[in-house]
Amino acid sequence: MGDRIIAYCNNKMQICTVKRILDSGQTNNITLSVFTSDHYRISVSHTVRFKRDALVDLAG
């Protein structure tokens, strides 16, 4: 939680802050709930799904 990643969300690549890891019930995917803004209180959360073998880098 709180880590920032670069992900394709809302039809563009952008920095997202991980809200929580969701249990999708699928063994081939990892699903994250993320915010697309640094201001959590005014930001809407989104869902980002990765294949389990995807390369995910944390944003610095």
N, C-alpha and C. Protein backbone atom coordinates (compact mmCIF):
# COMPACT_ATOMS: atom_id res chain seq x y z
N MET A 1 0.82 -1.17 0.00
CA MET A 1 0.00 0.00 0.00
C MET A 1 0.87 1.25 0.00
N GLY A 2 0.46 2.23 -0.79
CA GLY A 2 1.19 3.48 -0.83
C GLY A 2 2.29 3.54 -1.88
N ASP A 3 2.69 2.38 -2.42
CA ASP A 3 3.72 2.38 -3.47
C ASP A 3 3.15 3.02 -4.74
N ARG A 4 4.01 3.71 -5.46
CA ARG A 4 3.59 4.32 -6.72
C ARG A 4 4.13 3.48 -7.87
N ILE A 5 3.26 3.22 -8.85
CA ILE A 5 3.64 2.46 -10.03
C ILE A 5 3.24 3.25 -11.27
N ILE A 6 3.84 2.91 -12.38
CA ILE A 6 3.43 3.48 -13.66
C ILE A 6 2.59 2.41 -14.35
N ALA A 7 1.34 2.77 -14.67
CA ALA A 7 0.42 1.80 -15.24
C ALA A 7 -0.46 2.47 -16.30
N TYR A 8 -1.00 1.66 -17.19
CA TYR A 8 -1.96 2.14 -18.18
C TYR A 8 -3.32 2.19 -17.50
N CYS A 9 -3.82 3.39 -17.25
CA CYS A 9 -5.08 3.58 -16.54
C CYS A 9 -5.79 4.78 -17.13
N ASN A 10 -7.09 4.70 -17.32
CA ASN A 10 -7.87 5.78 -17.93
C ASN A 10 -7.36 6.14 -19.33
N ASN A 11 -6.99 5.12 -20.09
CA ASN A 11 -6.55 5.27 -21.47
C ASN A 11 -5.23 6.00 -21.64
N LYS A 12 -4.39 6.02 -20.60
CA LYS A 12 -3.05 6.61 -20.74
C LYS A 12 -2.12 6.05 -19.68
N MET A 13 -0.82 6.13 -19.96
CA MET A 13 0.19 5.72 -18.99
C MET A 13 0.32 6.83 -17.96
N GLN A 14 0.26 6.46 -16.67
CA GLN A 14 0.38 7.48 -15.64
C GLN A 14 0.84 6.87 -14.33
N ILE A 15 1.28 7.72 -13.44
CA ILE A 15 1.69 7.26 -12.12
C ILE A 15 0.45 7.03 -11.29
N CYS A 16 0.40 5.86 -10.66
CA CYS A 16 -0.73 5.48 -9.81
C CYS A 16 -0.19 5.11 -8.43
N THR A 17 -0.94 5.40 -7.41
CA THR A 17 -0.59 5.02 -6.04
C THR A 17 -1.46 3.85 -5.63
N VAL A 18 -0.81 2.77 -5.18
CA VAL A 18 -1.53 1.55 -4.83
C VAL A 18 -2.36 1.79 -3.57
N LYS A 19 -3.65 1.55 -3.68
CA LYS A 19 -4.56 1.65 -2.54
C LYS A 19 -4.58 0.33 -1.79
N ARG A 20 -4.78 -0.76 -2.53
CA ARG A 20 -4.75 -2.09 -1.93
C ARG A 20 -4.66 -3.14 -3.03
N ILE A 21 -4.26 -4.34 -2.64
CA ILE A 21 -4.23 -5.48 -3.54
C ILE A 21 -5.56 -6.19 -3.41
N LEU A 22 -6.22 -6.40 -4.54
CA LEU A 22 -7.51 -7.08 -4.54
C LEU A 22 -7.31 -8.55 -4.85
N ASP A 23 -8.09 -9.39 -4.26
CA ASP A 23 -8.06 -10.82 -4.55
C ASP A 23 -9.03 -11.09 -5.68
N SER A 24 -8.51 -11.30 -6.88
CA SER A 24 -9.38 -11.50 -8.03
C SER A 24 -9.88 -12.94 -8.14
N GLY A 25 -9.28 -13.85 -7.38
CA GLY A 25 -9.68 -15.24 -7.45
C GLY A 25 -9.13 -15.95 -8.68
N GLN A 26 -8.28 -15.28 -9.43
CA GLN A 26 -7.68 -15.88 -10.61
C GLN A 26 -6.19 -16.04 -10.34
N THR A 27 -5.66 -17.18 -10.69
CA THR A 27 -4.25 -17.44 -10.39
C THR A 27 -3.32 -16.79 -11.41
N ASN A 28 -3.83 -16.34 -12.56
CA ASN A 28 -2.97 -15.77 -13.59
C ASN A 28 -2.88 -14.26 -13.55
N ASN A 29 -3.65 -13.58 -12.69
CA ASN A 29 -3.66 -12.13 -12.65
C ASN A 29 -3.46 -11.59 -11.25
N ILE A 30 -2.89 -10.39 -11.17
CA ILE A 30 -2.80 -9.63 -9.93
C ILE A 30 -3.61 -8.37 -10.16
N THR A 31 -4.55 -8.08 -9.28
CA THR A 31 -5.42 -6.92 -9.44
C THR A 31 -5.16 -5.94 -8.31
N LEU A 32 -4.92 -4.67 -8.67
CA LEU A 32 -4.66 -3.62 -7.70
C LEU A 32 -5.75 -2.57 -7.76
N SER A 33 -6.11 -2.04 -6.63
CA SER A 33 -6.95 -0.85 -6.57
C SER A 33 -5.98 0.32 -6.42
N VAL A 34 -6.07 1.33 -7.29
CA VAL A 34 -5.11 2.43 -7.30
C VAL A 34 -5.81 3.78 -7.35
N PHE A 35 -5.08 4.81 -6.89
CA PHE A 35 -5.47 6.20 -7.08
C PHE A 35 -4.61 6.76 -8.19
N THR A 36 -5.15 7.66 -9.00
CA THR A 36 -4.37 8.27 -10.08
C THR A 36 -3.93 9.68 -9.72
N SER A 37 -4.07 10.07 -8.47
CA SER A 37 -3.68 11.40 -8.01
C SER A 37 -3.01 11.27 -6.65
N ASP A 38 -2.19 12.26 -6.29
CA ASP A 38 -1.57 12.28 -4.96
C ASP A 38 -2.56 12.69 -3.89
N HIS A 39 -3.68 13.29 -4.28
CA HIS A 39 -4.67 13.77 -3.34
C HIS A 39 -5.75 12.70 -3.17
N TYR A 40 -5.56 11.80 -2.20
CA TYR A 40 -6.44 10.64 -2.03
C TYR A 40 -7.89 11.04 -1.79
N ARG A 41 -8.11 12.12 -1.07
CA ARG A 41 -9.47 12.48 -0.70
C ARG A 41 -10.31 12.95 -1.88
N ILE A 42 -9.65 13.49 -2.92
CA ILE A 42 -10.42 13.95 -4.07
C ILE A 42 -10.25 13.03 -5.27
N SER A 43 -9.52 11.97 -5.10
CA SER A 43 -9.22 11.06 -6.20
C SER A 43 -10.16 9.86 -6.20
N VAL A 44 -10.53 9.43 -7.38
CA VAL A 44 -11.35 8.24 -7.54
C VAL A 44 -10.41 7.05 -7.70
N SER A 45 -10.74 5.93 -7.08
CA SER A 45 -9.90 4.75 -7.23
C SER A 45 -10.27 4.00 -8.50
N HIS A 46 -9.28 3.32 -9.07
CA HIS A 46 -9.43 2.54 -10.29
C HIS A 46 -8.84 1.16 -10.05
N THR A 47 -9.16 0.24 -10.94
CA THR A 47 -8.62 -1.11 -10.86
C THR A 47 -7.65 -1.33 -12.01
N VAL A 48 -6.47 -1.84 -11.67
CA VAL A 48 -5.45 -2.17 -12.66
C VAL A 48 -5.14 -3.64 -12.52
N ARG A 49 -5.13 -4.38 -13.64
CA ARG A 49 -4.89 -5.82 -13.61
C ARG A 49 -3.62 -6.14 -14.40
N PHE A 50 -2.76 -6.96 -13.80
CA PHE A 50 -1.52 -7.39 -14.42
C PHE A 50 -1.52 -8.91 -14.52
N LYS A 51 -0.90 -9.42 -15.56
CA LYS A 51 -0.63 -10.86 -15.59
C LYS A 51 0.44 -11.13 -14.56
N ARG A 52 0.39 -12.29 -13.96
CA ARG A 52 1.30 -12.62 -12.88
C ARG A 52 2.77 -12.51 -13.28
N ASP A 53 3.11 -12.73 -14.55
CA ASP A 53 4.50 -12.67 -14.98
C ASP A 53 4.88 -11.28 -15.52
N ALA A 54 4.04 -10.26 -15.30
CA ALA A 54 4.33 -8.90 -15.78
C ALA A 54 5.47 -8.29 -14.98
N LEU A 55 6.23 -7.44 -15.65
CA LEU A 55 7.29 -6.68 -14.98
C LEU A 55 6.66 -5.38 -14.47
N VAL A 56 6.72 -5.16 -13.17
CA VAL A 56 6.16 -3.95 -12.56
C VAL A 56 7.27 -3.20 -11.89
N ASP A 57 7.48 -1.93 -12.27
CA ASP A 57 8.49 -1.08 -11.65
C ASP A 57 7.81 -0.05 -10.77
N LEU A 58 8.41 0.21 -9.61
CA LEU A 58 7.91 1.26 -8.74
C LEU A 58 8.40 2.60 -9.28
N ALA A 59 7.56 3.62 -9.26
CA ALA A 59 7.96 4.96 -9.69
C ALA A 59 8.76 5.61 -8.58
N GLY A 60 9.85 6.31 -8.96
CA GLY A 60 10.73 6.92 -7.96
C GLY A 60 10.29 8.19 -7.51
